Amino acid sequence: MYLITVFGNLLIILVISSDIHLQTPMYFFLSNLSFADICFTSTTVPKMLVNIQTESKAITYKGCITQVHFFILFAGLDIFLLTVMAYDRFVAICHPLHYTVIMNPQLCGLLVLVSWIIIVSLFYYTSLGVYLSSAAPHSSRSSAIASVMYTVVTPMLNPFIYSLRNKDIKGALTTFIVKKTTKRQLSSGSRILDIRDK
């Protein structure tokens, strides 16, 4: 699931950045969401996989604080990016003639920057306090299942929900794969010709 999440979101970023037709605000925000999902999942899952492998639940205090910091950062970033994407769709639907004027590159960059700002100031301090002061007894199994659903399943499904159902992304993905496959075949064919010439 972790590999599907990383490669699925990375593929979305590569496809959007390589296709000139996808250089629009909506896809700019989608690629940022994919990046945030990769970071969000990478905050907890690698450590979890190590713990499963070593059959140890240990984590240092510094490691825990660092993990909580980045977990809240990227969770908040996801929330803000989804809000910005909703605003982008609102403008596209309600003000289609003014869309390109309203959603200019400067505003798109500013919206992403506001989403980052550094999230930390809004969510980090309050959420960190709740995380660290929470001592109420609860079922560790139910917490683990809820954590996996939130940290692994949702980011894994985001490429399918927001991108791969979109016909423009599907077309760009097909073009991207065909280009890479053709380039690989041409390079291997030229190597074969070089060997034959020698």
N, C-alpha and C. Protein backbone atom coordinates (compact mmCIF):
# COMPACT_ATOMS: atom_id res chain seq x y z
N MET A 1 0.82 -1.20 0.00
CA MET A 1 0.00 0.00 0.00
C MET A 1 0.86 1.26 0.00
N TYR A 2 1.95 1.21 0.74
CA TYR A 2 2.85 2.36 0.79
C TYR A 2 3.47 2.62 -0.58
N LEU A 3 3.92 1.55 -1.24
CA LEU A 3 4.52 1.71 -2.57
C LEU A 3 3.51 2.22 -3.59
N ILE A 4 2.28 1.72 -3.52
CA ILE A 4 1.23 2.21 -4.42
C ILE A 4 0.99 3.70 -4.19
N THR A 5 0.97 4.09 -2.92
CA THR A 5 0.76 5.51 -2.58
C THR A 5 1.86 6.37 -3.16
N VAL A 6 3.11 5.98 -2.92
CA VAL A 6 4.25 6.78 -3.37
C VAL A 6 4.32 6.81 -4.90
N PHE A 7 4.28 5.64 -5.53
CA PHE A 7 4.41 5.61 -6.99
C PHE A 7 3.20 6.20 -7.70
N GLY A 8 2.00 5.98 -7.15
CA GLY A 8 0.80 6.56 -7.75
C GLY A 8 0.84 8.08 -7.73
N ASN A 9 1.17 8.65 -6.57
CA ASN A 9 1.25 10.11 -6.46
C ASN A 9 2.42 10.68 -7.24
N LEU A 10 3.55 9.97 -7.24
CA LEU A 10 4.71 10.42 -8.01
C LEU A 10 4.40 10.41 -9.51
N LEU A 11 3.68 9.41 -9.96
CA LEU A 11 3.28 9.34 -11.36
C LEU A 11 2.39 10.52 -11.74
N ILE A 12 1.48 10.88 -10.86
CA ILE A 12 0.61 12.04 -11.11
C ILE A 12 1.45 13.31 -11.24
N ILE A 13 2.43 13.49 -10.36
CA ILE A 13 3.30 14.67 -10.42
C ILE A 13 4.08 14.70 -11.73
N LEU A 14 4.65 13.55 -12.12
CA LEU A 14 5.43 13.48 -13.37
C LEU A 14 4.57 13.76 -14.59
N VAL A 15 3.38 13.18 -14.62
CA VAL A 15 2.48 13.37 -15.76
C VAL A 15 2.06 14.83 -15.88
N ILE A 16 1.69 15.44 -14.76
CA ILE A 16 1.25 16.84 -14.79
C ILE A 16 2.39 17.77 -15.19
N SER A 17 3.59 17.51 -14.67
CA SER A 17 4.72 18.39 -15.01
C SER A 17 5.23 18.19 -16.42
N SER A 18 4.97 17.02 -17.03
CA SER A 18 5.49 16.75 -18.37
C SER A 18 4.52 17.11 -19.49
N ASP A 19 3.25 17.36 -19.17
CA ASP A 19 2.25 17.66 -20.20
C ASP A 19 1.89 19.14 -20.17
N ILE A 20 2.14 19.83 -21.29
CA ILE A 20 1.88 21.27 -21.37
C ILE A 20 0.39 21.59 -21.23
N HIS A 21 -0.48 20.66 -21.62
CA HIS A 21 -1.92 20.89 -21.54
C HIS A 21 -2.44 20.85 -20.10
N LEU A 22 -1.64 20.32 -19.20
CA LEU A 22 -2.05 20.22 -17.80
C LEU A 22 -1.45 21.32 -16.92
N GLN A 23 -0.90 22.34 -17.57
CA GLN A 23 -0.31 23.45 -16.81
C GLN A 23 -1.40 24.48 -16.48
N THR A 24 -2.41 24.02 -15.73
CA THR A 24 -3.52 24.87 -15.31
C THR A 24 -3.58 24.86 -13.78
N PRO A 25 -4.30 25.82 -13.19
CA PRO A 25 -4.39 25.86 -11.72
C PRO A 25 -4.86 24.55 -11.09
N MET A 26 -5.90 23.93 -11.68
CA MET A 26 -6.44 22.70 -11.10
C MET A 26 -5.37 21.62 -10.98
N TYR A 27 -4.59 21.43 -12.03
CA TYR A 27 -3.57 20.39 -12.01
C TYR A 27 -2.36 20.80 -11.20
N PHE A 28 -2.10 22.09 -11.11
CA PHE A 28 -1.04 22.59 -10.23
C PHE A 28 -1.36 22.21 -8.78
N PHE A 29 -2.62 22.43 -8.38
CA PHE A 29 -3.03 22.06 -7.03
C PHE A 29 -3.04 20.54 -6.84
N LEU A 30 -3.45 19.80 -7.87
CA LEU A 30 -3.42 18.33 -7.78
C LEU A 30 -2.01 17.80 -7.58
N SER A 31 -1.04 18.38 -8.29
CA SER A 31 0.34 17.91 -8.13
C SER A 31 0.86 18.24 -6.73
N ASN A 32 0.46 19.39 -6.19
CA ASN A 32 0.84 19.73 -4.81
C ASN A 32 0.18 18.79 -3.81
N LEU A 33 -1.07 18.41 -4.07
CA LEU A 33 -1.76 17.46 -3.20
C LEU A 33 -1.06 16.10 -3.24
N SER A 34 -0.63 15.68 -4.42
CA SER A 34 0.09 14.41 -4.54
C SER A 34 1.40 14.45 -3.77
N PHE A 35 2.12 15.58 -3.86
CA PHE A 35 3.36 15.73 -3.10
C PHE A 35 3.10 15.67 -1.60
N ALA A 36 2.04 16.38 -1.16
CA ALA A 36 1.69 16.38 0.27
C ALA A 36 1.32 14.97 0.73
N ASP A 37 0.63 14.21 -0.12
CA ASP A 37 0.24 12.84 0.25
C ASP A 37 1.46 11.93 0.38
N ILE A 38 2.44 12.10 -0.51
CA ILE A 38 3.67 11.31 -0.41
C ILE A 38 4.37 11.62 0.91
N CYS A 39 4.49 12.90 1.22
CA CYS A 39 5.16 13.31 2.47
C CYS A 39 4.38 12.85 3.69
N PHE A 40 3.06 12.99 3.63
CA PHE A 40 2.20 12.60 4.75
C PHE A 40 2.35 11.13 5.08
N THR A 41 2.31 10.29 4.06
CA THR A 41 2.44 8.85 4.27
C THR A 41 3.85 8.48 4.71
N SER A 42 4.84 9.17 4.15
CA SER A 42 6.24 8.87 4.48
C SER A 42 6.62 9.30 5.89
N THR A 43 5.78 10.09 6.52
CA THR A 43 6.04 10.52 7.90
C THR A 43 5.94 9.36 8.88
N THR A 44 4.98 8.47 8.69
CA THR A 44 4.74 7.42 9.67
C THR A 44 4.98 5.99 9.17
N VAL A 45 4.69 5.75 7.90
CA VAL A 45 4.69 4.36 7.42
C VAL A 45 6.08 3.71 7.45
N PRO A 46 7.16 4.37 6.99
CA PRO A 46 8.46 3.69 7.05
C PRO A 46 8.83 3.24 8.47
N LYS A 47 8.58 4.09 9.47
CA LYS A 47 8.87 3.72 10.86
C LYS A 47 7.98 2.55 11.29
N MET A 48 6.72 2.58 10.86
CA MET A 48 5.80 1.50 11.20
C MET A 48 6.28 0.18 10.59
N LEU A 49 6.76 0.23 9.34
CA LEU A 49 7.25 -0.98 8.67
C LEU A 49 8.49 -1.53 9.37
N VAL A 50 9.37 -0.63 9.83
CA VAL A 50 10.55 -1.06 10.60
C VAL A 50 10.11 -1.71 11.90
N ASN A 51 9.14 -1.11 12.58
CA ASN A 51 8.63 -1.68 13.83
C ASN A 51 8.02 -3.05 13.63
N ILE A 52 7.28 -3.21 12.54
CA ILE A 52 6.69 -4.52 12.24
C ILE A 52 7.79 -5.55 11.98
N GLN A 53 8.80 -5.14 11.23
CA GLN A 53 9.90 -6.05 10.90
C GLN A 53 10.69 -6.47 12.14
N THR A 54 10.96 -5.49 13.01
CA THR A 54 11.77 -5.78 14.20
C THR A 54 10.92 -6.24 15.39
N GLU A 55 9.59 -6.21 15.22
CA GLU A 55 8.65 -6.56 16.28
C GLU A 55 8.90 -5.72 17.54
N SER A 56 9.14 -4.43 17.29
CA SER A 56 9.37 -3.49 18.38
C SER A 56 8.47 -2.27 18.18
N LYS A 57 7.91 -1.77 19.27
CA LYS A 57 7.06 -0.58 19.19
C LYS A 57 7.80 0.65 19.69
N ALA A 58 9.09 0.55 19.89
CA ALA A 58 9.87 1.63 20.50
C ALA A 58 10.09 2.78 19.51
N ILE A 59 10.03 3.99 20.05
CA ILE A 59 10.38 5.21 19.31
C ILE A 59 10.95 6.19 20.32
N THR A 60 11.98 6.90 19.94
CA THR A 60 12.58 7.87 20.86
C THR A 60 11.64 9.06 21.02
N TYR A 61 11.86 9.81 22.09
CA TYR A 61 11.03 10.99 22.33
C TYR A 61 11.21 12.00 21.20
N LYS A 62 12.45 12.25 20.80
CA LYS A 62 12.72 13.19 19.69
C LYS A 62 12.09 12.69 18.40
N GLY A 63 12.21 11.38 18.18
CA GLY A 63 11.62 10.80 16.98
C GLY A 63 10.11 10.96 16.97
N CYS A 64 9.49 10.79 18.13
CA CYS A 64 8.04 10.93 18.26
C CYS A 64 7.61 12.37 18.00
N ILE A 65 8.31 13.32 18.60
CA ILE A 65 7.98 14.73 18.41
C ILE A 65 8.15 15.13 16.94
N THR A 66 9.23 14.67 16.32
CA THR A 66 9.48 14.96 14.91
C THR A 66 8.38 14.38 14.04
N GLN A 67 8.01 13.14 14.33
CA GLN A 67 6.97 12.47 13.55
C GLN A 67 5.62 13.19 13.70
N VAL A 68 5.28 13.57 14.92
CA VAL A 68 4.02 14.28 15.16
C VAL A 68 4.02 15.62 14.44
N HIS A 69 5.16 16.33 14.49
CA HIS A 69 5.28 17.63 13.82
C HIS A 69 4.98 17.49 12.33
N PHE A 70 5.66 16.57 11.65
CA PHE A 70 5.47 16.43 10.20
C PHE A 70 4.12 15.82 9.86
N PHE A 71 3.61 14.95 10.72
CA PHE A 71 2.29 14.37 10.51
C PHE A 71 1.22 15.46 10.49
N ILE A 72 1.27 16.35 11.47
CA ILE A 72 0.29 17.45 11.55
C ILE A 72 0.51 18.44 10.41
N LEU A 73 1.77 18.71 10.08
CA LEU A 73 2.08 19.63 8.99
C LEU A 73 1.44 19.16 7.69
N PHE A 74 1.68 17.90 7.31
CA PHE A 74 1.18 17.42 6.02
C PHE A 74 -0.31 17.11 6.05
N ALA A 75 -0.85 16.74 7.21
CA ALA A 75 -2.31 16.57 7.32
C ALA A 75 -3.01 17.91 7.12
N GLY A 76 -2.49 18.93 7.76
CA GLY A 76 -3.05 20.28 7.59
C GLY A 76 -2.90 20.78 6.17
N LEU A 77 -1.75 20.51 5.57
CA LEU A 77 -1.52 20.92 4.18
C LEU A 77 -2.54 20.27 3.25
N ASP A 78 -2.82 18.99 3.49
CA ASP A 78 -3.85 18.29 2.71
C ASP A 78 -5.19 19.02 2.82
N ILE A 79 -5.57 19.39 4.04
CA ILE A 79 -6.85 20.06 4.27
C ILE A 79 -6.90 21.40 3.53
N PHE A 80 -5.83 22.18 3.64
CA PHE A 80 -5.81 23.47 2.98
C PHE A 80 -5.81 23.34 1.46
N LEU A 81 -5.05 22.38 0.95
CA LEU A 81 -5.02 22.20 -0.51
C LEU A 81 -6.38 21.77 -1.04
N LEU A 82 -7.09 20.92 -0.31
CA LEU A 82 -8.43 20.53 -0.72
C LEU A 82 -9.37 21.74 -0.71
N THR A 83 -9.18 22.64 0.26
CA THR A 83 -9.98 23.87 0.32
C THR A 83 -9.67 24.76 -0.87
N VAL A 84 -8.40 24.91 -1.19
CA VAL A 84 -7.98 25.73 -2.34
C VAL A 84 -8.52 25.12 -3.63
N MET A 85 -8.48 23.79 -3.74
CA MET A 85 -9.01 23.13 -4.94
C MET A 85 -10.51 23.36 -5.07
N ALA A 86 -11.21 23.37 -3.95
CA ALA A 86 -12.66 23.66 -3.97
C ALA A 86 -12.90 25.09 -4.45
N TYR A 87 -12.07 26.03 -3.98
CA TYR A 87 -12.20 27.43 -4.43
C TYR A 87 -11.93 27.54 -5.92
N ASP A 88 -10.91 26.83 -6.40
CA ASP A 88 -10.57 26.82 -7.83
C ASP A 88 -11.77 26.34 -8.66
N ARG A 89 -12.41 25.27 -8.23
CA ARG A 89 -13.58 24.73 -8.96
C ARG A 89 -14.76 25.71 -8.87
N PHE A 90 -14.91 26.38 -7.72
CA PHE A 90 -15.97 27.38 -7.57
C PHE A 90 -15.80 28.50 -8.59
N VAL A 91 -14.58 29.00 -8.71
CA VAL A 91 -14.31 30.08 -9.67
C VAL A 91 -14.54 29.58 -11.10
N ALA A 92 -14.10 28.37 -11.40
CA ALA A 92 -14.26 27.82 -12.75
C ALA A 92 -15.73 27.66 -13.13
N ILE A 93 -16.57 27.29 -12.17
CA ILE A 93 -17.98 27.05 -12.45
C ILE A 93 -18.79 28.35 -12.41
N CYS A 94 -18.56 29.18 -11.41
CA CYS A 94 -19.38 30.38 -11.22
C CYS A 94 -18.89 31.60 -12.00
N HIS A 95 -17.61 31.63 -12.35
CA HIS A 95 -17.05 32.76 -13.10
C HIS A 95 -16.17 32.26 -14.24
N PRO A 96 -16.73 31.47 -15.16
CA PRO A 96 -15.90 30.85 -16.20
C PRO A 96 -15.19 31.85 -17.12
N LEU A 97 -15.84 32.99 -17.39
CA LEU A 97 -15.22 33.97 -18.29
C LEU A 97 -14.06 34.72 -17.64
N HIS A 98 -14.07 34.79 -16.32
CA HIS A 98 -13.00 35.49 -15.60
C HIS A 98 -12.01 34.53 -14.95
N TYR A 99 -12.16 33.23 -15.22
CA TYR A 99 -11.35 32.21 -14.54
C TYR A 99 -9.85 32.45 -14.70
N THR A 100 -9.41 32.66 -15.94
CA THR A 100 -7.95 32.81 -16.17
C THR A 100 -7.42 34.10 -15.55
N VAL A 101 -8.28 35.12 -15.45
CA VAL A 101 -7.84 36.37 -14.82
C VAL A 101 -7.76 36.21 -13.31
N ILE A 102 -8.78 35.56 -12.72
CA ILE A 102 -8.81 35.38 -11.25
C ILE A 102 -7.74 34.39 -10.81
N MET A 103 -7.69 33.23 -11.46
CA MET A 103 -6.75 32.17 -11.05
C MET A 103 -5.44 32.29 -11.82
N ASN A 104 -4.79 33.44 -11.72
CA ASN A 104 -3.51 33.64 -12.40
C ASN A 104 -2.39 32.93 -11.64
N PRO A 105 -1.23 32.74 -12.28
CA PRO A 105 -0.13 31.99 -11.63
C PRO A 105 0.30 32.57 -10.29
N GLN A 106 0.25 33.90 -10.15
CA GLN A 106 0.65 34.52 -8.89
C GLN A 106 -0.32 34.11 -7.76
N LEU A 107 -1.62 34.14 -8.05
CA LEU A 107 -2.60 33.76 -7.03
C LEU A 107 -2.46 32.28 -6.67
N CYS A 108 -2.24 31.44 -7.69
CA CYS A 108 -2.08 30.00 -7.42
C CYS A 108 -0.88 29.75 -6.51
N GLY A 109 0.25 30.41 -6.82
CA GLY A 109 1.44 30.28 -5.97
C GLY A 109 1.19 30.80 -4.57
N LEU A 110 0.47 31.93 -4.47
CA LEU A 110 0.14 32.51 -3.17
C LEU A 110 -0.76 31.58 -2.36
N LEU A 111 -1.75 30.95 -3.00
CA LEU A 111 -2.66 30.03 -2.31
C LEU A 111 -1.90 28.82 -1.76
N VAL A 112 -0.96 28.30 -2.56
CA VAL A 112 -0.15 27.17 -2.07
C VAL A 112 0.75 27.61 -0.92
N LEU A 113 1.33 28.81 -1.05
CA LEU A 113 2.18 29.33 0.02
C LEU A 113 1.39 29.54 1.31
N VAL A 114 0.18 30.08 1.19
CA VAL A 114 -0.68 30.28 2.35
C VAL A 114 -1.03 28.93 2.97
N SER A 115 -1.26 27.93 2.12
CA SER A 115 -1.55 26.59 2.63
C SER A 115 -0.40 26.09 3.50
N TRP A 116 0.85 26.31 3.02
CA TRP A 116 2.02 25.88 3.80
C TRP A 116 2.13 26.67 5.10
N ILE A 117 2.02 27.99 5.06
CA ILE A 117 2.14 28.83 6.25
C ILE A 117 1.02 28.54 7.23
N ILE A 118 3.50 27.50 6.81
CA ILE A 118 4.30 26.66 7.61
C ILE A 118 3.36 26.03 8.47
N ILE A 119 0.45 26.14 8.05
CA ILE A 119 -0.17 24.94 8.65
C ILE A 119 0.38 24.75 10.05
N VAL A 120 1.55 24.93 10.15
CA VAL A 120 2.19 24.73 11.46
C VAL A 120 1.60 25.68 12.49
N SER A 121 1.46 26.96 12.11
CA SER A 121 0.98 27.94 13.11
C SER A 121 -0.46 27.67 13.51
N LEU A 122 -1.28 27.16 12.59
CA LEU A 122 -2.69 26.93 12.91
C LEU A 122 -2.92 25.60 13.61
N PHE A 123 -2.30 24.53 13.08
CA PHE A 123 -2.59 23.19 13.58
C PHE A 123 -1.54 22.65 14.54
N TYR A 124 -0.30 22.99 14.29
CA TYR A 124 0.80 22.33 14.99
C TYR A 124 0.71 22.49 16.50
N TYR A 125 0.60 23.70 16.97
CA TYR A 125 0.66 23.94 18.41
C TYR A 125 -0.54 23.33 19.13
N THR A 126 -1.75 23.53 18.59
CA THR A 126 -2.93 22.98 19.26
C THR A 126 -2.94 21.46 19.18
N SER A 127 -2.65 20.91 18.00
CA SER A 127 -2.69 19.46 17.84
C SER A 127 -1.59 18.78 18.64
N LEU A 128 -0.42 19.38 18.69
CA LEU A 128 0.68 18.81 19.46
C LEU A 128 0.30 18.73 20.93
N GLY A 129 -0.33 19.78 21.44
CA GLY A 129 -0.76 19.76 22.84
C GLY A 129 -1.76 18.65 23.10
N VAL A 130 -2.71 18.47 22.19
CA VAL A 130 -3.71 17.41 22.35
C VAL A 130 -3.04 16.05 22.29
N TYR A 131 -2.12 15.87 21.34
CA TYR A 131 -1.44 14.59 21.16
C TYR A 131 -0.64 14.21 22.40
N LEU A 132 0.10 15.16 22.92
CA LEU A 132 1.00 14.86 24.03
C LEU A 132 0.27 14.76 25.37
N SER A 133 -0.84 15.47 25.51
CA SER A 133 -1.54 15.45 26.79
C SER A 133 -2.63 14.40 26.85
N SER A 134 -2.88 13.72 25.75
CA SER A 134 -3.94 12.72 25.73
C SER A 134 -3.47 11.47 26.43
N ALA A 135 -4.10 11.20 27.59
CA ALA A 135 -3.72 10.01 28.36
C ALA A 135 -4.92 9.11 28.61
N ALA A 136 -6.02 9.38 27.91
CA ALA A 136 -7.23 8.58 28.12
C ALA A 136 -7.01 7.17 27.61
N PRO A 137 -7.46 6.15 28.37
CA PRO A 137 -7.30 4.77 27.91
C PRO A 137 -8.17 4.49 26.69
N HIS A 138 -7.60 3.74 25.74
CA HIS A 138 -8.35 3.37 24.55
C HIS A 138 -7.79 2.07 23.98
N SER A 139 -8.52 1.46 23.09
CA SER A 139 -8.09 0.20 22.49
C SER A 139 -6.97 0.46 21.49
N SER A 140 -5.83 -0.18 21.70
CA SER A 140 -4.69 0.03 20.79
C SER A 140 -4.98 -0.56 19.42
N ARG A 141 -5.74 -1.64 19.35
CA ARG A 141 -6.08 -2.25 18.05
C ARG A 141 -6.96 -1.33 17.22
N SER A 142 -7.98 -0.76 17.84
CA SER A 142 -8.87 0.15 17.09
C SER A 142 -8.13 1.41 16.68
N SER A 143 -7.22 1.89 17.53
CA SER A 143 -6.40 3.06 17.18
C SER A 143 -5.49 2.75 16.00
N ALA A 144 -4.91 1.56 16.00
CA ALA A 144 -4.01 1.17 14.91
C ALA A 144 -4.77 1.08 13.58
N ILE A 145 -5.97 0.49 13.62
CA ILE A 145 -6.77 0.38 12.39
C ILE A 145 -7.16 1.76 11.88
N ALA A 146 -7.59 2.63 12.79
CA ALA A 146 -7.96 4.00 12.40
C ALA A 146 -6.76 4.75 11.83
N SER A 147 -5.59 4.56 12.44
CA SER A 147 -4.37 5.23 11.97
C SER A 147 -3.99 4.77 10.57
N VAL A 148 -4.07 3.47 10.33
CA VAL A 148 -3.73 2.94 9.00
C VAL A 148 -4.71 3.46 7.96
N MET A 149 -5.99 3.50 8.30
CA MET A 149 -6.99 4.01 7.35
C MET A 149 -6.69 5.46 6.99
N TYR A 150 -6.34 6.26 7.99
CA TYR A 150 -6.12 7.68 7.78
C TYR A 150 -4.78 7.99 7.11
N THR A 151 -3.74 7.27 7.54
CA THR A 151 -2.39 7.61 7.06
C THR A 151 -1.97 6.86 5.81
N VAL A 152 -2.61 5.74 5.50
CA VAL A 152 -2.17 4.94 4.35
C VAL A 152 -3.25 4.86 3.28
N VAL A 153 -4.46 4.47 3.66
CA VAL A 153 -5.49 4.21 2.66
C VAL A 153 -5.92 5.49 1.94
N THR A 154 -6.18 6.56 2.68
CA THR A 154 -6.64 7.80 2.05
C THR A 154 -5.62 8.37 1.06
N PRO A 155 -4.33 8.53 1.44
CA PRO A 155 -3.36 9.02 0.45
C PRO A 155 -3.19 8.07 -0.74
N MET A 156 -3.38 6.77 -0.51
CA MET A 156 -3.26 5.81 -1.62
C MET A 156 -4.40 6.00 -2.62
N LEU A 157 -5.59 6.33 -2.13
CA LEU A 157 -6.75 6.47 -3.01
C LEU A 157 -6.84 7.84 -3.69
N ASN A 158 -6.18 8.85 -3.14
CA ASN A 158 -6.27 10.19 -3.70
C ASN A 158 -5.91 10.28 -5.20
N PRO A 159 -4.83 9.62 -5.67
CA PRO A 159 -4.56 9.69 -7.12
C PRO A 159 -5.72 9.15 -7.95
N PHE A 160 -6.37 8.10 -7.46
CA PHE A 160 -7.48 7.52 -8.21
C PHE A 160 -8.71 8.42 -8.15
N ILE A 161 -8.96 8.99 -6.99
CA ILE A 161 -10.16 9.82 -6.80
C ILE A 161 -10.05 11.14 -7.55
N TYR A 162 -8.92 11.85 -7.38
CA TYR A 162 -8.82 13.19 -7.92
C TYR A 162 -8.19 13.27 -9.31
N SER A 163 -7.46 12.26 -9.72
CA SER A 163 -6.70 12.39 -10.96
C SER A 163 -7.02 11.35 -12.01
N LEU A 164 -6.92 10.08 -11.66
CA LEU A 164 -6.99 9.03 -12.67
C LEU A 164 -8.40 8.85 -13.23
N ARG A 165 -9.42 9.44 -12.59
CA ARG A 165 -10.77 9.40 -13.14
C ARG A 165 -10.97 10.54 -14.15
N ASN A 166 -10.02 11.44 -14.24
CA ASN A 166 -10.10 12.61 -15.10
C ASN A 166 -9.59 12.26 -16.49
N LYS A 167 -10.36 12.59 -17.55
CA LYS A 167 -9.97 12.18 -18.90
C LYS A 167 -8.69 12.87 -19.36
N ASP A 168 -8.44 14.12 -18.93
CA ASP A 168 -7.21 14.81 -19.32
C ASP A 168 -5.99 14.11 -18.73
N ILE A 169 -6.09 13.70 -17.46
CA ILE A 169 -4.99 12.98 -16.82
C ILE A 169 -4.79 11.63 -17.49
N LYS A 170 -5.88 10.93 -17.80
CA LYS A 170 -5.76 9.63 -18.46
C LYS A 170 -5.04 9.78 -19.80
N GLY A 171 -5.42 10.80 -20.58
CA GLY A 171 -4.76 11.04 -21.87
C GLY A 171 -3.30 11.37 -21.71
N ALA A 172 -2.99 12.24 -20.73
CA ALA A 172 -1.60 12.62 -20.49
C ALA A 172 -0.78 11.43 -19.98
N LEU A 173 -1.40 10.58 -19.16
CA LEU A 173 -0.72 9.40 -18.63
C LEU A 173 -0.40 8.43 -19.77
N THR A 174 -1.36 8.22 -20.67
CA THR A 174 -1.13 7.35 -21.82
C THR A 174 0.01 7.89 -22.68
N THR A 175 0.00 9.19 -22.95
CA THR A 175 1.06 9.82 -23.74
C THR A 175 2.41 9.68 -23.04
N PHE A 176 2.43 9.90 -21.74
CA PHE A 176 3.66 9.80 -20.94
C PHE A 176 4.24 8.38 -21.03
N ILE A 177 3.38 7.38 -20.85
CA ILE A 177 3.83 5.98 -20.89
C ILE A 177 4.32 5.60 -22.28
N VAL A 178 3.58 6.03 -23.32
CA VAL A 178 3.97 5.73 -24.70
C VAL A 178 5.32 6.36 -25.02
N LYS A 179 5.52 7.62 -24.61
CA LYS A 179 6.80 8.31 -24.84
C LYS A 179 7.96 7.57 -24.17
N LYS A 180 7.76 7.20 -22.89
CA LYS A 180 8.82 6.51 -22.15
C LYS A 180 9.11 5.14 -22.75
N THR A 181 8.06 4.42 -23.15
CA THR A 181 8.24 3.09 -23.74
C THR A 181 8.95 3.20 -25.07
N THR A 182 8.54 4.16 -25.91
CA THR A 182 9.16 4.36 -27.22
C THR A 182 10.62 4.75 -27.07
N LYS A 183 10.90 5.66 -26.13
CA LYS A 183 12.29 6.09 -25.90
C LYS A 183 13.16 4.91 -25.46
N ARG A 184 12.61 4.06 -24.57
CA ARG A 184 13.34 2.89 -24.10
C ARG A 184 13.60 1.91 -25.25
N GLN A 185 12.58 1.71 -26.09
CA GLN A 185 12.74 0.79 -27.23
C GLN A 185 13.75 1.32 -28.24
N LEU A 186 13.72 2.63 -28.48
CA LEU A 186 14.68 3.23 -29.41
C LEU A 186 16.10 3.13 -28.88
N SER A 187 16.28 3.36 -27.58
CA SER A 187 17.63 3.29 -27.02
C SER A 187 18.15 1.86 -27.02
N SER A 188 17.28 0.88 -26.72
CA SER A 188 17.72 -0.52 -26.75
C SER A 188 17.98 -0.97 -28.19
N GLY A 189 17.17 -0.45 -29.14
CA GLY A 189 17.39 -0.78 -30.56
C GLY A 189 18.70 -0.22 -31.07
N SER A 190 19.05 1.00 -30.66
CA SER A 190 20.32 1.60 -31.09
C SER A 190 21.50 0.86 -30.48
N ARG A 191 21.34 0.34 -29.25
CA ARG A 191 22.41 -0.45 -28.64
C ARG A 191 22.64 -1.74 -29.42
N ILE A 192 21.55 -2.36 -29.83
CA ILE A 192 21.66 -3.60 -30.62
C ILE A 192 22.37 -3.33 -31.94
N LEU A 193 22.04 -2.19 -32.61
CA LEU A 193 22.69 -1.83 -33.86
C LEU A 193 24.17 -1.57 -33.65
N ASP A 194 24.51 -0.89 -32.54
CA ASP A 194 25.93 -0.63 -32.21
C ASP A 194 26.68 -1.93 -32.03
N ILE A 195 26.08 -2.89 -31.35
CA ILE A 195 26.73 -4.19 -31.13
C ILE A 195 26.93 -4.91 -32.44
N ARG A 196 25.91 -4.86 -33.32
CA ARG A 196 26.03 -5.53 -34.62
C ARG A 196 27.11 -4.89 -35.48
N ASP A 197 27.21 -3.53 -35.43
CA ASP A 197 28.23 -2.82 -36.18
C ASP A 197 29.63 -3.19 -35.72
N LYS A 198 29.77 -3.42 -34.42
CA LYS A 198 31.09 -3.79 -33.89
C LYS A 198 31.42 -5.20 -34.30
